Protein backbone atom coordinates (compact mmCIF):
# COMPACT_ATOMS: atom_id res chain seq x y z
CA UNK A 1 197.37 104.12 237.14
CA UNK A 2 198.40 101.68 234.47
CA UNK A 3 196.64 98.53 233.47
CA UNK A 4 198.39 95.76 231.70
CA UNK A 5 197.91 95.01 227.96
CA UNK A 6 197.56 91.63 226.36
CA UNK A 7 200.34 89.39 225.22
CA UNK A 8 201.71 90.25 221.77
CA UNK A 9 201.23 88.09 218.71
CA UNK A 10 204.37 88.07 216.63
CA UNK A 11 206.10 85.69 214.21
CA UNK A 12 207.92 82.77 215.76
CA UNK A 13 211.67 83.19 215.82
CA UNK A 14 211.57 86.90 215.13
CA UNK A 15 213.01 87.90 218.51
CA UNK A 16 216.03 85.66 217.89
CA UNK A 17 216.60 87.26 214.49
CA UNK A 18 216.80 90.77 215.96
CA UNK A 19 218.27 89.82 219.34
CA UNK A 20 221.46 91.81 218.92
CA UNK A 21 219.59 94.85 217.61
CA UNK A 22 216.48 95.17 219.76
CA UNK A 23 217.56 93.58 223.02
CA UNK A 24 216.02 96.48 224.91
CA UNK A 25 212.53 95.28 223.97
CA UNK A 26 213.07 91.56 223.54
CA UNK A 27 214.26 91.03 227.09
CA UNK A 28 210.79 91.89 228.31
CA UNK A 29 208.73 89.92 225.78
CA UNK A 30 207.59 86.70 227.45
CA UNK A 31 204.35 85.62 225.72
CA UNK A 32 204.79 82.03 226.80
CA UNK A 33 204.36 83.09 230.43
CA UNK A 34 201.12 84.87 229.60
CA UNK A 35 199.68 81.93 227.69
CA UNK A 36 200.54 79.64 230.58
CA UNK A 37 198.57 81.87 232.97
CA UNK A 38 195.46 82.08 230.79
CA UNK A 39 192.56 79.83 231.68
CA UNK A 40 190.89 78.30 228.63
CA UNK A 41 187.45 78.52 230.24
CA UNK A 42 187.87 82.28 230.59
CA UNK A 43 189.23 82.82 227.10
CA UNK A 44 186.37 80.89 225.52
CA UNK A 45 183.73 82.47 227.76
CA UNK A 46 180.86 83.92 225.76
CA UNK A 47 178.79 87.08 226.34
CA UNK A 48 175.06 87.73 226.40
CA UNK A 49 174.06 90.00 223.51
CA UNK A 50 170.45 88.85 223.17
CA UNK A 51 169.03 92.35 223.74
CA UNK A 52 170.14 95.96 224.26
CA UNK A 53 169.75 95.47 228.04
CA UNK A 54 171.95 92.35 228.02
CA UNK A 55 174.57 94.04 225.82
CA UNK A 56 174.81 97.22 227.89
CA UNK A 57 174.78 95.33 231.20
CA UNK A 58 177.38 92.82 229.99
CA UNK A 59 179.67 95.55 228.65
CA UNK A 60 179.55 97.53 231.89
CA UNK A 61 180.19 94.39 233.93
CA UNK A 62 183.25 93.40 231.90
CA UNK A 63 184.68 96.92 232.00
CA UNK A 64 184.12 97.18 235.75
CA UNK A 65 185.88 93.86 236.20
CA UNK A 66 188.80 95.21 234.20
CA UNK A 67 188.85 98.28 236.44
CA UNK A 68 188.81 96.12 239.59
CA UNK A 69 191.64 93.98 238.27
CA UNK A 70 193.97 96.81 237.26
CA UNK A 71 193.03 100.21 238.65
CA UNK A 72 190.94 99.68 241.79
CA UNK A 73 192.59 100.20 245.19
CA UNK A 74 192.73 96.46 245.90
CA UNK A 75 194.06 95.47 242.47
CA UNK A 76 197.39 93.73 242.11
CA UNK A 77 198.99 96.77 240.51
CA UNK A 78 197.86 99.19 243.19
CA UNK A 79 199.00 96.76 245.84
CA UNK A 80 202.46 96.72 244.27
CA UNK A 81 202.62 100.52 244.03
CA UNK A 82 201.75 100.86 247.72
CA UNK A 83 204.38 98.31 248.69
CA UNK A 84 208.03 99.11 249.08
CA UNK A 85 209.16 96.45 246.59
CA UNK A 86 211.29 97.54 243.67
CA UNK A 87 209.91 94.89 241.33
CA UNK A 88 206.46 93.24 241.36
CA UNK A 89 206.07 89.54 241.87
CA UNK A 90 206.19 87.59 238.61
CA UNK A 91 203.01 85.80 239.53
CA UNK A 92 201.21 89.12 240.03
CA UNK A 93 202.24 90.39 236.60
CA UNK A 94 201.24 87.17 234.86
CA UNK A 95 197.87 87.08 236.59
CA UNK A 96 197.18 90.72 235.79
CA UNK A 97 198.08 90.28 232.14
CA UNK A 98 195.86 87.20 231.92
CA UNK A 99 192.89 89.05 233.36
CA UNK A 100 193.40 92.07 231.14
CA UNK A 101 193.71 89.96 228.03
CA UNK A 102 190.53 88.13 228.92
CA UNK A 103 188.67 91.40 229.58
CA UNK A 104 189.95 92.89 226.30
CA UNK A 105 188.64 89.97 224.29
CA UNK A 106 185.34 89.96 226.18
CA UNK A 107 184.68 93.72 225.88
CA UNK A 108 185.38 93.68 222.12
CA UNK A 109 182.56 91.16 221.66
CA UNK A 110 180.00 93.90 222.35
CA UNK A 111 181.13 96.03 219.37
CA UNK A 112 180.18 95.64 215.71
CA UNK A 113 183.71 95.83 214.28
CA UNK A 114 182.88 95.01 210.66
CA UNK A 115 184.04 98.44 209.47
CA UNK A 116 187.35 98.29 211.37
CA UNK A 117 190.20 96.88 209.23
CA UNK A 118 191.24 93.42 210.35
CA UNK A 119 194.90 94.45 210.55
CA UNK A 120 194.17 96.84 213.45
CA UNK A 121 190.93 95.37 214.76
CA UNK A 122 192.31 93.83 217.95
CA UNK A 123 194.31 96.90 218.96
CA UNK A 124 191.54 99.34 218.00
CA UNK A 125 188.88 97.38 219.88
CA UNK A 126 190.38 97.74 223.33
CA UNK A 127 191.05 101.46 222.77
CA UNK A 128 187.45 101.94 221.65
CA UNK A 129 186.05 100.05 224.65
CA UNK A 130 188.11 102.22 227.02
CA UNK A 131 186.82 105.39 225.35
CA UNK A 132 183.24 104.10 225.42
CA UNK A 133 183.51 103.31 229.12
CA UNK A 134 184.90 106.80 229.78
CA UNK A 135 181.85 108.23 227.99
CA UNK A 136 179.49 106.18 230.15
CA UNK A 137 181.34 107.31 233.30
CA UNK A 138 180.77 110.98 232.42
CA UNK A 139 177.16 111.05 231.19
CA UNK A 140 173.84 110.23 232.87
CA UNK A 141 173.03 106.58 232.36
CA UNK A 142 169.49 105.14 232.35
CA UNK A 143 168.34 102.57 234.84
CA UNK A 144 168.82 99.03 233.63
CA UNK A 145 165.10 98.36 233.80
CA UNK A 146 164.52 101.19 231.32
CA UNK A 147 166.67 99.48 228.69
CA UNK A 148 164.56 97.12 226.52
CA UNK A 149 165.10 93.42 226.97
CA UNK A 150 164.41 90.57 224.53
CA UNK A 151 160.64 90.63 225.02
CA UNK A 152 160.45 94.37 224.55
CA UNK A 153 162.51 94.26 221.32
CA UNK A 154 160.28 91.57 219.83
CA UNK A 155 157.39 94.01 219.72
CA UNK A 156 159.36 96.71 217.90
CA UNK A 157 159.63 96.98 214.14
CA UNK A 158 163.02 98.72 214.31
CA UNK A 159 165.49 96.49 216.11
CA UNK A 160 167.58 99.31 217.52
CA UNK A 161 167.85 101.18 220.82
CA UNK A 162 169.37 104.66 221.30
CA UNK A 163 170.95 105.70 224.57
CA UNK A 164 168.83 108.70 225.71
CA UNK A 165 170.42 112.05 224.95
CA UNK A 166 173.15 110.58 222.73
CA UNK A 167 173.76 109.10 219.30
CA UNK A 168 175.02 105.85 220.84
CA UNK A 169 173.02 102.98 219.39
CA UNK A 170 172.71 99.26 220.10
CA UNK A 171 171.21 97.44 217.12
CA UNK A 172 170.48 93.96 215.82
CA UNK A 173 173.05 92.49 213.45
CA UNK A 174 171.08 91.01 210.56
CA UNK A 175 173.81 89.28 208.57
CA UNK A 176 177.22 87.79 208.92
CA UNK A 177 178.70 85.44 211.53
CA UNK A 178 177.18 87.48 214.38
CA UNK A 179 173.68 87.71 212.97
CA UNK A 180 170.97 87.84 215.65
CA UNK A 181 173.12 89.64 218.26
CA UNK A 182 172.57 93.14 219.63
CA UNK A 183 175.84 95.10 219.41
CA UNK A 184 176.97 98.70 219.54
CA UNK A 185 176.39 99.53 215.87
CA UNK A 186 179.21 100.04 213.39
CA UNK A 187 178.14 103.69 213.02
CA UNK A 188 178.48 104.13 216.77
CA UNK A 189 181.86 102.40 216.78
CA UNK A 190 183.09 104.81 214.09
CA UNK A 191 181.93 107.82 216.18
CA UNK A 192 183.25 106.70 219.59
CA UNK A 193 186.52 108.74 219.30
CA UNK A 194 184.49 111.83 218.34
CA UNK A 195 182.08 111.36 221.24
CA UNK A 196 185.02 110.82 223.60
CA UNK A 197 186.73 114.07 222.57
CA UNK A 198 183.48 115.97 223.12
CA UNK A 199 183.10 114.52 226.59
CA UNK A 200 186.72 115.23 227.51
CA UNK A 201 186.49 118.88 226.43
CA UNK A 202 183.86 119.61 229.13
CA UNK A 203 184.93 121.14 232.46
CA UNK A 204 183.92 118.76 235.23
CA UNK A 205 183.82 119.42 238.98
CA UNK A 206 186.62 117.97 241.10
CA UNK A 207 184.32 115.23 242.31
CA UNK A 208 183.87 113.86 238.78
CA UNK A 209 185.60 110.57 237.89
CA UNK A 210 189.11 111.04 236.42
CA UNK A 211 189.84 110.12 232.82
CA UNK A 212 191.72 106.86 233.21
CA UNK A 213 192.24 106.77 229.42
CA UNK A 214 194.64 109.73 229.67
CA UNK A 215 196.63 108.00 232.39
CA UNK A 216 196.98 104.85 230.34
CA UNK A 217 198.06 106.62 227.15
CA UNK A 218 200.02 109.60 228.47
CA UNK A 219 202.22 107.67 230.88
CA UNK A 220 204.60 104.90 229.65
CA UNK A 221 202.38 102.16 231.07
CA UNK A 222 203.22 99.80 228.23
CA UNK A 223 206.94 100.12 228.89
CA UNK A 224 206.25 99.60 232.58
CA UNK A 225 204.42 96.39 231.76
CA UNK A 226 206.80 94.79 229.28
CA UNK A 227 209.96 95.86 231.11
CA UNK A 228 208.56 95.01 234.54
CA UNK A 229 211.30 92.44 235.16
CA UNK A 230 214.10 94.70 233.90
CA UNK A 231 213.21 98.23 235.04
CA UNK A 232 211.04 98.89 238.12
CA UNK A 233 207.56 99.90 236.86
CA UNK A 234 207.26 102.64 239.48
CA UNK A 235 210.12 104.51 237.75
CA UNK A 236 208.08 104.80 234.56
CA UNK A 237 205.09 106.08 236.51
CA UNK A 238 207.12 108.94 237.99
CA UNK A 239 208.72 110.38 234.84
CA UNK A 240 209.14 114.21 234.79
CA UNK A 241 205.87 116.02 234.23
CA UNK A 242 207.08 118.00 231.14
CA UNK A 243 207.57 114.71 229.28
CA UNK A 244 203.86 113.94 229.66
CA UNK A 245 202.72 117.13 227.96
CA UNK A 246 201.03 116.36 224.66
CA UNK A 247 202.09 117.58 221.22
CA UNK A 248 199.66 116.82 218.37
CA UNK A 249 197.86 114.39 220.65
CA UNK A 250 200.95 112.45 221.80
CA UNK A 251 203.10 113.00 224.92
CA UNK A 252 206.64 114.26 224.45
CA UNK A 253 208.23 111.06 225.73
CA UNK A 254 206.37 109.03 223.11
CA UNK A 255 207.48 111.26 220.23
CA UNK A 256 211.08 110.79 221.40
CA UNK A 257 210.59 107.01 221.60
CA UNK A 258 208.99 106.96 218.14
CA UNK A 259 211.90 108.88 216.62
CA UNK A 260 214.42 106.49 218.16
CA UNK A 261 212.41 103.42 217.12
CA UNK A 262 211.80 104.55 213.53
CA UNK A 263 215.41 105.68 213.11
CA UNK A 264 216.67 102.35 214.39
CA UNK A 265 214.35 100.30 212.17
CA UNK A 266 215.06 102.56 209.19
CA UNK A 267 218.77 102.00 209.67
CA UNK A 268 218.24 98.24 209.65
CA UNK A 269 216.18 98.46 206.45
CA UNK A 270 218.66 100.79 204.76
CA UNK A 271 221.53 98.45 205.63
CA UNK A 272 219.64 95.56 204.02
CA UNK A 273 218.98 97.68 200.89
CA UNK A 274 222.69 98.47 200.59
CA UNK A 275 223.64 94.82 201.04
CA UNK A 276 221.03 93.87 198.44
CA UNK A 277 222.48 96.36 195.96
CA UNK A 278 225.98 94.95 196.40
CA UNK A 279 224.83 91.39 195.77
CA UNK A 280 222.35 92.14 192.98
CA UNK A 281 224.91 91.28 190.28
CA UNK A 282 225.37 87.76 191.61
CA UNK A 283 223.61 84.96 189.78
CA UNK A 284 221.74 81.93 191.00
CA UNK A 285 220.22 81.35 194.41
CA UNK A 286 222.57 83.72 196.25
CA UNK A 287 221.74 86.58 193.89
CA UNK A 288 217.99 86.05 194.31
CA UNK A 289 218.29 85.96 198.11
CA UNK A 290 220.26 89.20 198.05
CA UNK A 291 217.66 90.89 195.83
CA UNK A 292 214.72 89.97 198.09
CA UNK A 293 216.56 90.78 201.34
CA UNK A 294 214.82 94.19 201.76
CA UNK A 295 211.42 92.51 201.35
CA UNK A 296 212.30 89.82 203.89
CA UNK A 297 213.45 92.52 206.31
CA UNK A 298 210.16 94.39 205.95
CA UNK A 299 208.14 91.22 206.48
CA UNK A 300 210.01 90.65 209.74
CA UNK A 301 210.05 94.27 210.93
CA UNK A 302 206.43 95.29 210.36
CA UNK A 303 204.76 92.89 212.88
CA UNK A 304 207.36 93.85 215.46
CA UNK A 305 206.84 97.57 214.82
CA UNK A 306 203.05 97.23 215.06
CA UNK A 307 203.38 95.33 218.32
CA UNK A 308 205.66 97.99 219.81
CA UNK A 309 203.42 100.83 218.61
CA UNK A 310 200.26 99.20 219.91
CA UNK A 311 201.23 97.46 223.15
CA UNK A 312 204.58 98.84 224.29
CA UNK A 313 204.40 102.53 223.32
CA UNK A 314 200.58 102.54 223.23
CA UNK A 315 200.23 105.15 220.53
CA UNK A 316 196.88 106.91 220.76
CA UNK A 317 194.12 105.76 218.37
CA UNK A 318 194.25 108.56 215.78
CA UNK A 319 197.96 108.06 215.07
CA UNK A 320 198.06 104.32 215.67
CA UNK A 321 195.47 103.56 212.97
CA UNK A 322 197.25 105.60 210.30
CA UNK A 323 200.73 104.32 211.07
CA UNK A 324 199.83 100.65 211.35
CA UNK A 325 197.67 100.60 208.21
CA UNK A 326 200.58 102.05 206.24
CA UNK A 327 202.95 99.54 207.80
CA UNK A 328 200.65 96.59 207.05
CA UNK A 329 200.25 97.81 203.48
CA UNK A 330 204.05 97.75 203.16
CA UNK A 331 204.05 94.30 204.75
CA UNK A 332 201.75 92.76 202.13
CA UNK A 333 203.58 94.43 199.25
CA UNK A 334 206.89 93.14 200.62
CA UNK A 335 205.39 89.68 201.15
CA UNK A 336 204.26 89.63 197.51
CA UNK A 337 207.75 90.65 196.41
CA UNK A 338 209.26 87.96 198.62
CA UNK A 339 206.93 85.26 197.22
CA UNK A 340 207.91 86.27 193.68
CA UNK A 341 211.57 86.01 194.64
CA UNK A 342 211.07 82.61 196.26
CA UNK A 343 209.41 81.44 193.03
CA UNK A 344 212.58 82.33 191.13
CA UNK A 345 214.71 80.78 193.87
CA UNK A 346 212.84 77.46 193.70
CA UNK A 347 213.11 77.46 189.90
CA UNK A 348 216.88 77.99 190.02
CA UNK A 349 217.21 75.33 192.71
CA UNK A 350 215.37 72.78 190.56
CA UNK A 351 217.47 73.70 187.53
CA UNK A 352 220.67 73.25 189.52
CA UNK A 353 219.45 70.06 191.18
CA UNK A 354 218.57 68.42 187.86
CA UNK A 355 221.68 69.86 186.18
CA UNK A 356 219.63 71.40 183.40
CA UNK A 357 221.38 73.78 181.03
CA UNK A 358 220.74 77.31 182.28
CA UNK A 359 219.56 78.74 178.94
CA UNK A 360 217.73 75.65 177.71
CA UNK A 361 214.04 75.44 176.89
CA UNK A 362 213.44 73.17 179.89
CA UNK A 363 214.99 75.70 182.27
CA UNK A 364 212.91 78.51 180.79
CA UNK A 365 209.78 76.37 181.16
CA UNK A 366 210.61 75.70 184.82
CA UNK A 367 211.12 79.43 185.40
CA UNK A 368 207.84 80.26 183.68
CA UNK A 369 205.91 77.69 185.74
CA UNK A 370 207.45 78.97 188.97
CA UNK A 371 206.63 82.57 188.04
CA UNK A 372 203.02 81.74 187.21
CA UNK A 373 202.59 79.94 190.55
CA UNK A 374 204.29 82.80 192.41
CA UNK A 375 202.06 85.28 190.56
CA UNK A 376 198.97 83.38 191.69
CA UNK A 377 200.12 83.43 195.30
CA UNK A 378 201.07 87.11 194.95
CA UNK A 379 197.63 88.10 193.69
CA UNK A 380 196.05 86.15 196.55
CA UNK A 381 198.28 87.93 199.08
CA UNK A 382 197.42 91.35 197.64
CA UNK A 383 193.69 90.64 197.75
CA UNK A 384 193.88 89.30 201.30
CA UNK A 385 196.12 92.19 202.36
CA UNK A 386 193.78 94.76 200.83
CA UNK A 387 190.88 93.20 202.71
CA UNK A 388 192.77 93.26 206.02
CA UNK A 389 193.72 96.95 205.75
CA UNK A 390 190.20 97.99 204.83
CA UNK A 391 190.20 98.05 201.04
CA UNK A 392 187.33 96.05 199.50
CA UNK A 393 188.75 92.93 197.88
CA UNK A 394 186.15 92.96 195.10
CA UNK A 395 187.44 96.37 194.01
CA UNK A 396 190.98 95.00 193.87
CA UNK A 397 189.81 92.03 191.79
CA UNK A 398 187.84 94.31 189.47
CA UNK A 399 190.83 96.61 189.15
CA UNK A 400 193.09 93.69 188.31
CA UNK A 401 190.58 92.51 185.70
CA UNK A 402 190.24 95.92 184.06
CA UNK A 403 193.97 96.46 184.27
CA UNK A 404 194.61 93.06 182.72
CA UNK A 405 192.23 93.84 179.85
CA UNK A 406 193.92 97.20 179.27
CA UNK A 407 197.34 95.56 179.23
CA UNK A 408 196.10 92.88 176.86
CA UNK A 409 194.73 95.47 174.43
CA UNK A 410 197.79 97.71 174.65
CA UNK A 411 200.33 94.91 174.40
CA UNK A 412 198.87 92.53 171.82
CA UNK A 413 202.23 92.09 170.12
CA UNK A 414 203.95 91.38 173.41
CA UNK A 415 201.27 88.82 174.32
CA UNK A 416 201.60 87.28 170.86
CA UNK A 417 205.32 86.86 171.42
CA UNK A 418 204.70 85.40 174.89
CA UNK A 419 202.28 82.85 173.46
CA UNK A 420 204.80 82.07 170.75
CA UNK A 421 207.44 81.42 173.40
CA UNK A 422 205.03 79.18 175.30
CA UNK A 423 204.34 77.16 172.15
CA UNK A 424 208.07 76.78 171.54
CA UNK A 425 208.67 75.72 175.16
CA UNK A 426 205.88 73.18 175.29
CA UNK A 427 206.09 71.73 171.76
CA UNK A 428 209.90 72.06 171.54
CA UNK A 429 210.30 72.27 167.74
CA UNK A 430 213.93 73.18 168.40
CA UNK A 431 216.37 73.58 171.27
CA UNK A 432 219.40 75.68 172.03
CA UNK A 433 222.21 74.71 169.63
CA UNK A 434 219.85 73.62 166.83
CA UNK A 435 220.12 75.18 163.37
CA UNK A 436 216.75 76.14 161.92
CA UNK A 437 215.15 77.74 158.89
CA UNK A 438 211.78 79.49 159.09
CA UNK A 439 210.53 82.15 156.73
CA UNK A 440 213.49 84.37 155.97
CA UNK A 441 215.25 83.48 159.22
CA UNK A 442 218.13 81.02 159.37
CA UNK A 443 220.64 80.44 162.12
CA UNK A 444 221.70 78.50 165.20
CA UNK A 445 219.61 78.97 168.35
CA UNK A 446 221.59 80.49 171.25
CA UNK A 447 218.81 81.48 173.65
CA UNK A 448 215.04 81.08 173.99
CA UNK A 449 213.38 83.78 176.11
CA UNK A 450 209.83 84.65 177.08
CA UNK A 451 209.45 87.06 174.15
CA UNK A 452 212.30 86.52 171.70
CA UNK A 453 214.88 83.97 170.61
CA UNK A 454 218.52 84.66 169.77
CA UNK A 455 220.00 83.06 166.65
CA UNK A 456 223.56 83.17 165.31
CA UNK A 457 223.65 83.32 161.52
CA UNK A 458 226.29 81.60 159.40
CA UNK A 459 228.17 84.88 158.97
CA UNK A 460 228.36 85.41 162.76
CA UNK A 461 225.58 87.97 163.14
CA UNK A 462 223.42 87.73 166.28
CA UNK A 463 219.77 87.82 165.24
CA UNK A 464 217.06 88.53 167.83
CA UNK A 465 213.78 87.25 166.41
CA UNK A 466 210.29 87.66 167.98
CA UNK A 467 208.85 84.30 169.00
CA UNK A 468 205.61 84.96 167.10
CA UNK A 469 207.62 85.40 163.90
CA UNK A 470 209.42 82.08 164.38
CA UNK A 471 206.23 80.03 164.61
CA UNK A 472 204.37 81.90 161.86
CA UNK A 473 206.09 79.88 159.12
CA UNK A 474 207.00 76.18 158.83
CA UNK A 475 210.14 75.47 160.84
CA UNK A 476 212.90 73.37 159.28
CA UNK A 477 215.09 71.99 162.03
CA UNK A 478 218.30 71.07 160.26
CA UNK A 479 219.90 69.64 163.37
CA UNK A 480 217.10 67.17 163.97
CA UNK A 481 217.24 65.71 160.44
CA UNK A 482 218.56 62.15 160.23
CA UNK A 483 219.15 62.37 156.48
CA UNK A 484 219.36 64.84 153.60
CA UNK A 485 217.78 64.29 150.22
CA UNK A 486 219.66 65.85 147.31
CA UNK A 487 217.69 66.29 144.12
CA UNK A 488 219.18 68.05 141.09
CA UNK A 489 218.36 68.28 137.38
CA UNK A 490 221.27 68.63 134.93
CA UNK A 491 220.79 69.97 131.38
CA UNK A 492 223.08 68.92 128.51
CA UNK A 493 222.97 70.48 125.05
CA UNK A 494 221.13 68.64 122.26
CA UNK A 495 224.33 68.69 120.20
CA UNK A 496 225.84 66.22 122.67
CA UNK A 497 225.95 62.51 121.69
CA UNK A 498 223.34 60.32 123.35
CA UNK A 499 226.04 57.72 123.93
CA UNK A 500 228.02 60.25 125.94
CA UNK A 501 224.93 61.11 127.96
CA UNK A 502 224.24 57.44 128.72
CA UNK A 503 227.88 56.94 129.65
CA UNK A 504 227.61 59.91 132.03
CA UNK A 505 224.49 58.40 133.62
CA UNK A 506 226.23 55.07 134.31
CA UNK A 507 229.32 56.81 135.68
CA UNK A 508 227.17 59.07 137.90
CA UNK A 509 225.32 56.05 139.31
CA UNK A 510 228.59 54.39 140.24
CA UNK A 511 230.02 57.60 141.70
CA UNK A 512 227.01 58.23 143.92
CA UNK A 513 226.52 54.58 144.95
CA UNK A 514 230.15 54.29 146.04
CA UNK A 515 230.08 57.42 148.20
CA UNK A 516 230.38 56.61 151.92
CA UNK A 517 227.64 59.01 153.01
CA UNK A 518 225.00 57.96 150.49
CA UNK A 519 222.37 55.54 151.76
CA UNK A 520 222.04 52.27 149.85
CA UNK A 521 219.14 51.79 147.44
CA UNK A 522 218.57 55.55 147.25
CA UNK A 523 220.66 56.76 144.25
CA UNK A 524 218.67 57.47 141.10
CA UNK A 525 220.24 58.85 137.92
CA UNK A 526 218.01 58.83 134.85
CA UNK A 527 217.30 60.67 131.61
CA UNK A 528 213.84 62.09 132.21
CA UNK A 529 213.27 64.47 129.29
CA UNK A 530 214.56 65.49 125.85
CA UNK A 531 213.19 68.86 124.96
CA UNK A 532 213.99 72.38 123.91
CA UNK A 533 216.28 72.69 126.93
CA UNK A 534 218.28 69.66 125.84
CA UNK A 535 218.80 66.45 127.75
CA UNK A 536 217.37 66.55 131.30
CA UNK A 537 219.13 64.18 133.68
CA UNK A 538 217.68 63.67 137.17
CA UNK A 539 220.13 63.21 140.04
CA UNK A 540 218.41 61.94 143.23
CA UNK A 541 220.05 60.45 146.33
CA UNK A 542 219.89 60.60 150.15
CA UNK A 543 222.79 61.41 152.49
CA UNK A 544 222.65 59.48 155.76
CA UNK A 545 223.86 62.22 158.10
CA UNK A 546 222.12 64.63 160.52
CA UNK A 547 224.98 67.11 160.67
CA UNK A 548 224.60 70.16 158.48
CA UNK A 549 228.34 70.66 158.00
CA UNK A 550 228.87 67.01 157.07
CA UNK A 551 225.99 67.22 154.60
CA UNK A 552 227.56 70.24 152.93
CA UNK A 553 230.90 68.45 152.64
CA UNK A 554 229.34 65.30 151.13
CA UNK A 555 227.18 67.34 148.76
CA UNK A 556 230.18 69.30 147.61
CA UNK A 557 232.19 66.12 147.06
CA UNK A 558 229.49 64.40 144.97
CA UNK A 559 228.57 67.44 142.86
CA UNK A 560 232.24 68.15 142.15
CA UNK A 561 232.68 64.53 141.06
CA UNK A 562 229.67 64.81 138.72
CA UNK A 563 231.08 67.99 137.17
CA UNK A 564 234.43 66.29 136.63
CA UNK A 565 232.69 63.24 135.09
CA UNK A 566 230.76 65.50 132.67
CA UNK A 567 233.98 67.21 131.69
CA UNK A 568 235.70 63.88 131.04
CA UNK A 569 232.68 62.80 128.94
CA UNK A 570 232.98 66.02 126.89
CA UNK A 571 229.48 67.08 127.87
CA UNK A 572 228.66 70.73 128.21
CA UNK A 573 225.94 72.00 130.54
CA UNK A 574 223.35 74.55 129.61
CA UNK A 575 220.83 76.53 131.66
CA UNK A 576 217.17 75.64 131.51
CA UNK A 577 216.43 79.11 130.18
CA UNK A 578 219.02 79.01 127.37
């Protein structure tokens, strides 16, 4: 006969999201009714684990209470099955579920579950307690007075008791949140399925107790429970006998249900992947949402799938553990992917909200900050996820550290370029649209990335320069200059008349001083040297413009005027090396 499982724990709003797709299951999911029926004093009730005697006695009492509530002749479920009603009373179902949930939580408190992954701990615990109770029902049990109590254990050096004739142990927990309690040891918990299979393989006389575990897991008792208000539970309990035959440990009906469920969920995921591929070329927030849609779908599907596998289909322990651990591993990977995508989404939202130029340094800095924050959350999710599915978190952290060191050693140039980009973003020596000179590189900045910058040279060539190369040399930002100093030295032959040279100097002073772009008080024209190179005349002035093109025009105008003035003065130039 079936007994009723506990209320599922699933993300809020998930049923509404899949209402049109999984209506068959959602109609029956009513966790709010179960919570309303639970009594807080029962849920919070503690257990006595002060000695092996208290632990064994308390475990047997809780399991017997569960039997009386669900399987015994006077239980609510048996009363319904004997009645002629098509559907059970809603109050009966709610009360039965409340009692079962309470007994599940209570019976799990007698097991040391530290070695059971957190992701499947709740579901595994009630399966293990059922198997353990089946073992006790089919082996000779000692009298309660023969089991050591607190006083007896105080006189023993080894704080552990072994059930006679078995390897089942109750031992003292010495560390952790349950330190000081006597529990079925973690080694025993790991061996319970093995012990159960050994017990079940023995031929028992007809008078021996039946294996209730097989009834619970071979018949669709979970479907009968969660569809009790939609399909009469007695119909599930009378399915054709061939469907209950087991194949690889699972009944035929469950394999069929698993195929339908996995095909249906796979179709949903594949549809999301196809939609994501179609929208991957879109930019901005919509494009990011489309790209992370498969991850969001997985994050929503996995808890639902685990609930169906554990409570509705009631997959047997050996298959349930493997399937759900894989599913939860996919869940945490998808959640990490989704967090990364949301980091990009928030960055693009801020850029759009502040109307920042998409390719500007500020926008790249916002993206970098969002990615670093998302990376931190992602690493935390992976560590927590690894811990919940049974992988030691310290190994993950050590692996990330060693992996990070290996990446750092193998990609020194890439890291150097990344640091160069960070320096450019934070110090902002130039922005997009600025014309710069640094080392042998000259051009107008078109894009600043996380590793390189794109420059357009004066002859139209697109130059992609590593960020580390840009900051290695002094950077001359031509766009940010508010003035240009022009300093030239002209050489006239010694054969020229000094009067002509002096006349040229006066004319050059007037020409430069009268130019509209030359700043006042800055022009200097003077004879600075008479030597083997001839007369050396210094031309020094400052153009009051920040625009490179305007500076070139003014420079060309003044130098052309000086050349014309020298020609009119009948002065001939010579090179310094002549």
